[in-house]
């Protein structure tokens, strides 16, 4: 991917439409690199990276979890908090 060209995603379209300034930060994708690689490549603490986890309950209801990169989610505890039987990625 060229460093001069920003991929046009829905998020980029919205930022441009709303005239929100942003800066590209390109880096090579590393399979299973996760937030440690993102943090290292961006030059920030892993805690400042926000990851998006897509999950669902036993009825297939979708659930998005946004959390700090250095944290882990307990699906059992999350299910308990949401008063559902199970949560799965």
PDB file of N, CA and C in Angstrom:
ATOM      1  N   UNK A   1       0.852  -1.176   0.000  1.00  0.00           N
ATOM      2  CA  UNK A   1       0.000   0.000   0.000  1.00  0.00           C
ATOM      3  C   UNK A   1       0.896   1.237   0.000  1.00  0.00           C
ATOM      4  N   UNK A   2       0.602   2.146  -0.839  1.00  0.00           N
ATOM      5  CA  UNK A   2       1.362   3.381  -0.940  1.00  0.00           C
ATOM      6  C   UNK A   2       1.135   4.247   0.297  1.00  0.00           C
ATOM      7  N   UNK A   3       2.223   4.843   0.787  1.00  0.00           N
ATOM      8  CA  UNK A   3       2.099   5.703   1.963  1.00  0.00           C
ATOM      9  C   UNK A   3       1.399   7.020   1.628  1.00  0.00           C
ATOM     10  N   UNK A   4       1.290   7.343   0.342  1.00  0.00           N
ATOM     11  CA  UNK A   4       0.643   8.595  -0.051  1.00  0.00           C
ATOM     12  C   UNK A   4      -0.867   8.464  -0.166  1.00  0.00           C
ATOM     13  N   UNK A   5      -1.391   7.241  -0.231  1.00  0.00           N
ATOM     14  CA  UNK A   5      -2.812   7.066  -0.500  1.00  0.00           C
ATOM     15  C   UNK A   5      -3.521   6.422   0.693  1.00  0.00           C
ATOM     16  N   UNK A   6      -4.508   7.113   1.223  1.00  0.00           N
ATOM     17  CA  UNK A   6      -5.304   6.605   2.337  1.00  0.00           C
ATOM     18  C   UNK A   6      -6.391   5.681   1.804  1.00  0.00           C
ATOM     19  N   UNK A   7      -6.516   4.460   2.358  1.00  0.00           N
ATOM     20  CA  UNK A   7      -7.638   3.605   1.954  1.00  0.00           C
ATOM     21  C   UNK A   7      -8.951   4.309   2.310  1.00  0.00           C
ATOM     22  N   UNK A   8      -9.907   4.264   1.410  1.00  0.00           N
ATOM     23  CA  UNK A   8     -11.173   4.961   1.647  1.00  0.00           C
ATOM     24  C   UNK A   8     -12.153   3.992   2.304  1.00  0.00           C
ATOM     25  N   UNK A   9     -12.247   4.110   3.612  1.00  0.00           N
ATOM     26  CA  UNK A   9     -13.155   3.292   4.414  1.00  0.00           C
ATOM     27  C   UNK A   9     -14.357   4.148   4.807  1.00  0.00           C
ATOM     28  N   UNK A  10     -15.414   3.534   5.342  1.00  0.00           N
ATOM     29  CA  UNK A  10     -16.535   4.348   5.832  1.00  0.00           C
ATOM     30  C   UNK A  10     -16.086   5.390   6.863  1.00  0.00           C
ATOM     31  N   UNK A  11     -15.128   5.026   7.707  1.00  0.00           N
ATOM     32  CA  UNK A  11     -14.642   5.974   8.719  1.00  0.00           C
ATOM     33  C   UNK A  11     -13.952   7.164   8.061  1.00  0.00           C
ATOM     34  N   UNK A  12     -13.126   6.900   7.057  1.00  0.00           N
ATOM     35  CA  UNK A  12     -12.431   7.985   6.352  1.00  0.00           C
ATOM     36  C   UNK A  12     -13.438   8.884   5.637  1.00  0.00           C
ATOM     37  N   UNK A  13     -14.440   8.286   5.012  1.00  0.00           N
ATOM     38  CA  UNK A  13     -15.481   9.089   4.343  1.00  0.00           C
ATOM     39  C   UNK A  13     -16.171  10.028   5.331  1.00  0.00           C
ATOM     40  N   UNK A  14     -16.508   9.494   6.508  1.00  0.00           N
ATOM     41  CA  UNK A  14     -17.187  10.307   7.520  1.00  0.00           C
ATOM     42  C   UNK A  14     -16.273  11.438   8.001  1.00  0.00           C
ATOM     43  N   UNK A  15     -15.009  11.140   8.260  1.00  0.00           N
ATOM     44  CA  UNK A  15     -14.079  12.175   8.712  1.00  0.00           C
ATOM     45  C   UNK A  15     -13.950  13.285   7.673  1.00  0.00           C
ATOM     46  N   UNK A  16     -13.846  12.890   6.418  1.00  0.00           N
ATOM     47  CA  UNK A  16     -13.738  13.892   5.352  1.00  0.00           C
ATOM     48  C   UNK A  16     -15.023  14.705   5.221  1.00  0.00           C
ATOM     49  N   UNK A  17     -16.160  14.025   5.256  1.00  0.00           N
ATOM     50  CA  UNK A  17     -17.452  14.716   5.128  1.00  0.00           C
ATOM     51  C   UNK A  17     -17.632  15.747   6.241  1.00  0.00           C
ATOM     52  N   UNK A  18     -17.242  15.372   7.462  1.00  0.00           N
ATOM     53  CA  UNK A  18     -17.394  16.267   8.619  1.00  0.00           C
ATOM     54  C   UNK A  18     -16.217  17.221   8.779  1.00  0.00           C
ATOM     55  N   UNK A  19     -15.264  17.147   7.852  1.00  0.00           N
ATOM     56  CA  UNK A  19     -14.071  17.992   7.848  1.00  0.00           C
ATOM     57  C   UNK A  19     -13.273  17.876   9.144  1.00  0.00           C
ATOM     58  N   UNK A  20     -13.104  16.631   9.577  1.00  0.00           N
ATOM     59  CA  UNK A  20     -12.303  16.342  10.770  1.00  0.00           C
ATOM     60  C   UNK A  20     -10.881  16.031  10.313  1.00  0.00           C
ATOM     61  N   UNK A  21      -9.918  16.738  10.883  1.00  0.00           N
ATOM     62  CA  UNK A  21      -8.530  16.476  10.531  1.00  0.00           C
ATOM     63  C   UNK A  21      -8.059  15.141  11.094  1.00  0.00           C
ATOM     64  N   UNK A  22      -7.280  14.409  10.318  1.00  0.00           N
ATOM     65  CA  UNK A  22      -6.710  13.149  10.790  1.00  0.00           C
ATOM     66  C   UNK A  22      -5.386  12.912  10.082  1.00  0.00           C
ATOM     67  N   UNK A  23      -4.580  12.044  10.661  1.00  0.00           N
ATOM     68  CA  UNK A  23      -3.273  11.713  10.111  1.00  0.00           C
ATOM     69  C   UNK A  23      -3.189  10.211   9.896  1.00  0.00           C
ATOM     70  N   UNK A  24      -2.678   9.814   8.744  1.00  0.00           N
ATOM     71  CA  UNK A  24      -2.465   8.388   8.468  1.00  0.00           C
ATOM     72  C   UNK A  24      -1.256   7.886   9.242  1.00  0.00           C
ATOM     73  N   UNK A  25      -1.343   6.662   9.706  1.00  0.00           N
ATOM     74  CA  UNK A  25      -0.219   5.999  10.370  1.00  0.00           C
ATOM     75  C   UNK A  25      -0.134   4.589   9.803  1.00  0.00           C
ATOM     76  N   UNK A  26       0.606   4.434   8.714  1.00  0.00           N
ATOM     77  CA  UNK A  26       0.714   3.134   8.059  1.00  0.00           C
ATOM     78  C   UNK A  26       1.804   2.290   8.698  1.00  0.00           C
ATOM     79  N   UNK A  27       1.558   0.994   8.793  1.00  0.00           N
ATOM     80  CA  UNK A  27       2.582   0.043   9.222  1.00  0.00           C
ATOM     81  C   UNK A  27       2.223  -1.320   8.654  1.00  0.00           C
ATOM     82  N   UNK A  28       3.217  -2.189   8.578  1.00  0.00           N
ATOM     83  CA  UNK A  28       3.017  -3.527   8.021  1.00  0.00           C
ATOM     84  C   UNK A  28       2.169  -4.365   8.960  1.00  0.00           C
ATOM     85  N   UNK A  29       1.194  -5.057   8.391  1.00  0.00           N
ATOM     86  CA  UNK A  29       0.339  -5.958   9.169  1.00  0.00           C
ATOM     87  C   UNK A  29       1.151  -7.173   9.594  1.00  0.00           C
ATOM     88  N   UNK A  30       1.012  -7.566  10.853  1.00  0.00           N
ATOM     89  CA  UNK A  30       1.669  -8.761  11.382  1.00  0.00           C
ATOM     90  C   UNK A  30       0.577  -9.709  11.851  1.00  0.00           C
ATOM     91  N   UNK A  31       0.511 -10.894  11.235  1.00  0.00           N
ATOM     92  CA  UNK A  31      -0.490 -11.898  11.607  1.00  0.00           C
ATOM     93  C   UNK A  31      -0.403 -12.182  13.103  1.00  0.00           C
ATOM     94  N   UNK A  32      -1.507 -12.071  13.805  1.00  0.00           N
ATOM     95  CA  UNK A  32      -1.611 -12.299  15.252  1.00  0.00           C
ATOM     96  C   UNK A  32      -0.726 -11.347  16.060  1.00  0.00           C
ATOM     97  N   UNK A  33      -0.388 -10.194  15.487  1.00  0.00           N
ATOM     98  CA  UNK A  33       0.448  -9.228  16.192  1.00  0.00           C
ATOM     99  C   UNK A  33      -0.309  -8.474  17.269  1.00  0.00           C
ATOM    100  N   UNK A  34      -1.575  -8.211  16.998  1.00  0.00           N
ATOM    101  CA  UNK A  34      -2.437  -7.573  17.981  1.00  0.00           C
ATOM    102  C   UNK A  34      -1.981  -6.200  18.414  1.00  0.00           C
ATOM    103  N   UNK A  35      -2.448  -5.824  19.597  1.00  0.00           N
ATOM    104  CA  UNK A  35      -2.165  -4.479  20.096  1.00  0.00           C
ATOM    105  C   UNK A  35      -0.702  -4.244  20.461  1.00  0.00           C
ATOM    106  N   UNK A  36       0.074  -5.275  20.850  1.00  0.00           N
ATOM    107  CA  UNK A  36       1.490  -4.992  21.103  1.00  0.00           C
ATOM    108  C   UNK A  36       2.205  -4.461  19.855  1.00  0.00           C
ATOM    109  N   UNK A  37       1.916  -5.053  18.703  1.00  0.00           N
ATOM    110  CA  UNK A  37       2.547  -4.604  17.458  1.00  0.00           C
ATOM    111  C   UNK A  37       2.026  -3.224  17.074  1.00  0.00           C
ATOM    112  N   UNK A  38       0.719  -3.019  17.167  1.00  0.00           N
ATOM    113  CA  UNK A  38       0.149  -1.704  16.843  1.00  0.00           C
ATOM    114  C   UNK A  38       0.781  -0.618  17.700  1.00  0.00           C
ATOM    115  N   UNK A  39       0.869  -0.870  18.992  1.00  0.00           N
ATOM    116  CA  UNK A  39       1.444   0.119  19.912  1.00  0.00           C
ATOM    117  C   UNK A  39       2.899   0.410  19.567  1.00  0.00           C
ATOM    118  N   UNK A  40       3.662  -0.643  19.323  1.00  0.00           N
ATOM    119  CA  UNK A  40       5.077  -0.462  18.988  1.00  0.00           C
ATOM    120  C   UNK A  40       5.227   0.354  17.708  1.00  0.00           C
ATOM    121  N   UNK A  41       4.478   0.000  16.675  1.00  0.00           N
ATOM    122  CA  UNK A  41       4.596   0.687  15.391  1.00  0.00           C
ATOM    123  C   UNK A  41       4.115   2.135  15.453  1.00  0.00           C
ATOM    124  N   UNK A  42       3.144   2.403  16.296  1.00  0.00           N
ATOM    125  CA  UNK A  42       2.624   3.766  16.432  1.00  0.00           C
ATOM    126  C   UNK A  42       3.392   4.590  17.458  1.00  0.00           C
ATOM    127  N   UNK A  43       4.271   3.920  18.208  1.00  0.00           N
ATOM    128  CA  UNK A  43       5.073   4.627  19.200  1.00  0.00           C
ATOM    129  C   UNK A  43       4.285   5.090  20.406  1.00  0.00           C
ATOM    130  N   UNK A  44       3.308   4.270  20.820  1.00  0.00           N
ATOM    131  CA  UNK A  44       2.482   4.614  21.980  1.00  0.00           C
ATOM    132  C   UNK A  44       2.446   3.433  22.945  1.00  0.00           C
ATOM    133  N   UNK A  45       1.986   3.690  24.156  1.00  0.00           N
ATOM    134  CA  UNK A  45       1.793   2.619  25.128  1.00  0.00           C
ATOM    135  C   UNK A  45       0.640   1.733  24.671  1.00  0.00           C
ATOM    136  N   UNK A  46       0.740   0.438  24.936  1.00  0.00           N
ATOM    137  CA  UNK A  46      -0.315  -0.486  24.522  1.00  0.00           C
ATOM    138  C   UNK A  46      -1.669  -0.113  25.131  1.00  0.00           C
ATOM    139  N   UNK A  47      -1.658   0.461  26.317  1.00  0.00           N
ATOM    140  CA  UNK A  47      -2.901   0.859  26.987  1.00  0.00           C
ATOM    141  C   UNK A  47      -3.679   1.902  26.178  1.00  0.00           C
ATOM    142  N   UNK A  48      -2.975   2.723  25.384  1.00  0.00           N
ATOM    143  CA  UNK A  48      -3.656   3.772  24.620  1.00  0.00           C
ATOM    144  C   UNK A  48      -4.295   3.258  23.330  1.00  0.00           C
ATOM    145  N   UNK A  49      -3.947   2.041  22.923  1.00  0.00           N
ATOM    146  CA  UNK A  49      -4.572   1.434  21.742  1.00  0.00           C
ATOM    147  C   UNK A  49      -5.928   0.880  22.171  1.00  0.00           C
ATOM    148  N   UNK A  50      -6.969   1.214  21.438  1.00  0.00           N
ATOM    149  CA  UNK A  50      -8.306   0.698  21.751  1.00  0.00           C
ATOM    150  C   UNK A  50      -8.634  -0.392  20.739  1.00  0.00           C
ATOM    151  N   UNK A  51      -8.949  -1.572  21.266  1.00  0.00           N
ATOM    152  CA  UNK A  51      -9.312  -2.672  20.366  1.00  0.00           C
ATOM    153  C   UNK A  51     -10.820  -2.876  20.395  1.00  0.00           C
ATOM    154  N   UNK A  52     -11.341  -3.335  19.266  1.00  0.00           N
ATOM    155  CA  UNK A  52     -12.768  -3.598  19.118  1.00  0.00           C
ATOM    156  C   UNK A  52     -12.968  -5.100  19.027  1.00  0.00           C
ATOM    157  N   UNK A  53     -13.723  -5.651  19.963  1.00  0.00           N
ATOM    158  CA  UNK A  53     -14.005  -7.086  19.977  1.00  0.00           C
ATOM    159  C   UNK A  53     -15.465  -7.292  19.598  1.00  0.00           C
ATOM    160  N   UNK A  54     -15.705  -8.154  18.628  1.00  0.00           N
ATOM    161  CA  UNK A  54     -17.065  -8.448  18.176  1.00  0.00           C
ATOM    162  C   UNK A  54     -17.473  -9.786  18.774  1.00  0.00           C
ATOM    163  N   UNK A  55     -18.569  -9.781  19.512  1.00  0.00           N
ATOM    164  CA  UNK A  55     -19.042 -10.987  20.190  1.00  0.00           C
ATOM    165  C   UNK A  55     -20.541 -11.119  19.999  1.00  0.00           C
ATOM    166  N   UNK A  56     -21.083 -12.231  20.516  1.00  0.00           N
ATOM    167  CA  UNK A  56     -22.532 -12.423  20.491  1.00  0.00           C
ATOM    168  C   UNK A  56     -22.953 -13.264  21.681  1.00  0.00           C
ATOM    169  N   UNK A  57     -24.230 -13.133  22.048  1.00  0.00           N
ATOM    170  CA  UNK A  57     -24.745 -13.964  23.134  1.00  0.00           C
ATOM    171  C   UNK A  57     -25.341 -15.237  22.550  1.00  0.00           C
ATOM    172  N   UNK A  58     -25.918 -16.065  23.412  1.00  0.00           N
ATOM    173  CA  UNK A  58     -26.452 -17.359  22.971  1.00  0.00           C
ATOM    174  C   UNK A  58     -27.601 -17.221  21.976  1.00  0.00           C
ATOM    175  N   UNK A  59     -28.226 -16.061  21.939  1.00  0.00           N
ATOM    176  CA  UNK A  59     -29.327 -15.829  20.985  1.00  0.00           C
ATOM    177  C   UNK A  59     -28.840 -15.150  19.706  1.00  0.00           C
ATOM    178  N   UNK A  60     -27.533 -15.080  19.560  1.00  0.00           N
ATOM    179  CA  UNK A  60     -26.896 -14.464  18.384  1.00  0.00           C
ATOM    180  C   UNK A  60     -27.076 -12.948  18.337  1.00  0.00           C
ATOM    181  N   UNK A  61     -27.383 -12.332  19.487  1.00  0.00           N
ATOM    182  CA  UNK A  61     -27.443 -10.872  19.566  1.00  0.00           C
ATOM    183  C   UNK A  61     -26.017 -10.336  19.537  1.00  0.00           C
ATOM    184  N   UNK A  62     -25.723  -9.383  18.655  1.00  0.00           N
ATOM    185  CA  UNK A  62     -24.358  -8.872  18.552  1.00  0.00           C
ATOM    186  C   UNK A  62     -23.975  -7.998  19.739  1.00  0.00           C
ATOM    187  N   UNK A  63     -22.685  -7.976  19.998  1.00  0.00           N
ATOM    188  CA  UNK A  63     -22.138  -7.182  21.096  1.00  0.00           C
ATOM    189  C   UNK A  63     -20.766  -6.683  20.671  1.00  0.00           C
ATOM    190  N   UNK A  64     -20.527  -5.392  20.812  1.00  0.00           N
ATOM    191  CA  UNK A  64     -19.212  -4.814  20.550  1.00  0.00           C
ATOM    192  C   UNK A  64     -18.599  -4.398  21.872  1.00  0.00           C
ATOM    193  N   UNK A  65     -17.351  -4.779  22.064  1.00  0.00           N
ATOM    194  CA  UNK A  65     -16.622  -4.413  23.275  1.00  0.00           C
ATOM    195  C   UNK A  65     -15.411  -3.598  22.843  1.00  0.00           C
ATOM    196  N   UNK A  66     -15.307  -2.380  23.354  1.00  0.00           N
ATOM    197  CA  UNK A  66     -14.132  -1.542  23.123  1.00  0.00           C
ATOM    198  C   UNK A  66     -13.330  -1.540  24.407  1.00  0.00           C
ATOM    199  N   UNK A  67     -12.048  -1.880  24.294  1.00  0.00           N
ATOM    200  CA  UNK A  67     -11.242  -1.923  25.513  1.00  0.00           C
ATOM    201  C   UNK A  67      -9.792  -1.580  25.220  1.00  0.00           C
ATOM    202  N   UNK A  68      -9.079  -1.200  26.280  1.00  0.00           N
ATOM    203  CA  UNK A  68      -7.663  -0.880  26.171  1.00  0.00           C
ATOM    204  C   UNK A  68      -6.899  -2.104  25.683  1.00  0.00           C
ATOM    205  N   UNK A  69      -5.872  -1.852  24.877  1.00  0.00           N
ATOM    206  CA  UNK A  69      -5.108  -2.931  24.266  1.00  0.00           C
ATOM    207  C   UNK A  69      -4.422  -3.867  25.226  1.00  0.00           C
ATOM    208  N   UNK A  70      -4.096  -3.402  26.413  1.00  0.00           N
ATOM    209  CA  UNK A  70      -3.392  -4.254  27.373  1.00  0.00           C
ATOM    210  C   UNK A  70      -4.346  -4.983  28.321  1.00  0.00           C
ATOM    211  N   UNK A  71      -5.624  -4.955  28.037  1.00  0.00           N
ATOM    212  CA  UNK A  71      -6.618  -5.611  28.900  1.00  0.00           C
ATOM    213  C   UNK A  71      -7.224  -6.813  28.195  1.00  0.00           C
ATOM    214  N   UNK A  72      -7.783  -7.724  28.984  1.00  0.00           N
ATOM    215  CA  UNK A  72      -8.471  -8.894  28.449  1.00  0.00           C
ATOM    216  C   UNK A  72      -9.892  -8.916  28.979  1.00  0.00           C
ATOM    217  N   UNK A  73     -10.785  -9.541  28.219  1.00  0.00           N
ATOM    218  CA  UNK A  73     -12.180  -9.635  28.641  1.00  0.00           C
ATOM    219  C   UNK A  73     -12.456 -11.064  29.100  1.00  0.00           C
ATOM    220  N   UNK A  74     -13.192 -11.183  30.177  1.00  0.00           N
ATOM    221  CA  UNK A  74     -13.680 -12.481  30.636  1.00  0.00           C
ATOM    222  C   UNK A  74     -15.089 -12.629  30.090  1.00  0.00           C
ATOM    223  N   UNK A  75     -15.270 -13.564  29.157  1.00  0.00           N
ATOM    224  CA  UNK A  75     -16.605 -13.739  28.577  1.00  0.00           C
ATOM    225  C   UNK A  75     -17.597 -14.234  29.625  1.00  0.00           C
ATOM    226  N   UNK A  76     -17.119 -15.015  30.590  1.00  0.00           N
ATOM    227  CA  UNK A  76     -18.016 -15.486  31.660  1.00  0.00           C
ATOM    228  C   UNK A  76     -18.493 -14.318  32.519  1.00  0.00           C
ATOM    229  N   UNK A  77     -17.572 -13.442  32.899  1.00  0.00           N
ATOM    230  CA  UNK A  77     -17.939 -12.279  33.717  1.00  0.00           C
ATOM    231  C   UNK A  77     -18.827 -11.316  32.930  1.00  0.00           C
ATOM    232  N   UNK A  78     -18.517 -11.141  31.649  1.00  0.00           N
ATOM    233  CA  UNK A  78     -19.340 -10.272  30.812  1.00  0.00           C
ATOM    234  C   UNK A  78     -20.760 -10.821  30.690  1.00  0.00           C
ATOM    235  N   UNK A  79     -20.883 -12.129  30.502  1.00  0.00           N
ATOM    236  CA  UNK A  79     -22.217 -12.753  30.426  1.00  0.00           C
ATOM    237  C   UNK A  79     -22.974 -12.532  31.731  1.00  0.00           C
ATOM    238  N   UNK A  80     -22.274 -12.683  32.851  1.00  0.00           N
ATOM    239  CA  UNK A  80     -22.906 -12.458  34.156  1.00  0.00           C
ATOM    240  C   UNK A  80     -23.407 -11.020  34.280  1.00  0.00           C
ATOM    241  N   UNK A  81     -22.568 -10.074  33.890  1.00  0.00           N
ATOM    242  CA  UNK A  81     -22.942  -8.658  33.979  1.00  0.00           C
ATOM    243  C   UNK A  81     -24.137  -8.323  33.085  1.00  0.00           C
ATOM    244  N   UNK A  82     -24.198  -8.957  31.923  1.00  0.00           N
ATOM    245  CA  UNK A  82     -25.285  -8.685  30.981  1.00  0.00           C
ATOM    246  C   UNK A  82     -26.510  -9.561  31.214  1.00  0.00           C
ATOM    247  N   UNK A  83     -26.388 -10.461  32.194  1.00  0.00           N
ATOM    248  CA  UNK A  83     -27.483 -11.370  32.556  1.00  0.00           C
ATOM    249  C   UNK A  83     -27.931 -12.234  31.375  1.00  0.00           C
ATOM    250  N   UNK A  84     -26.919 -12.779  30.674  1.00  0.00           N
ATOM    251  CA  UNK A  84     -27.171 -13.734  29.600  1.00  0.00           C
ATOM    252  C   UNK A  84     -26.413 -15.012  29.933  1.00  0.00           C
ATOM    253  N   UNK A  85     -26.749 -16.090  29.229  1.00  0.00           N
ATOM    254  CA  UNK A  85     -26.133 -17.382  29.524  1.00  0.00           C
ATOM    255  C   UNK A  85     -24.674 -17.438  29.073  1.00  0.00           C
ATOM    256  N   UNK A  86     -24.426 -17.056  27.816  1.00  0.00           N
ATOM    257  CA  UNK A  86     -23.060 -17.119  27.292  1.00  0.00           C
ATOM    258  C   UNK A  86     -22.768 -15.939  26.375  1.00  0.00           C
ATOM    259  N   UNK A  87     -21.479 -15.633  26.281  1.00  0.00           N
ATOM    260  CA  UNK A  87     -20.951 -14.658  25.329  1.00  0.00           C
ATOM    261  C   UNK A  87     -19.810 -15.362  24.608  1.00  0.00           C
ATOM    262  N   UNK A  88     -19.811 -15.281  23.282  1.00  0.00           N
ATOM    263  CA  UNK A  88     -18.725 -15.892  22.508  1.00  0.00           C
ATOM    264  C   UNK A  88     -18.201 -14.903  21.469  1.00  0.00           C
ATOM    265  N   UNK A  89     -16.894 -15.026  21.165  1.00  0.00           N
ATOM    266  CA  UNK A  89     -16.316 -14.165  20.111  1.00  0.00           C
ATOM    267  C   UNK A  89     -16.882 -14.519  18.747  1.00  0.00           C
TER     268      UNK A  89
END
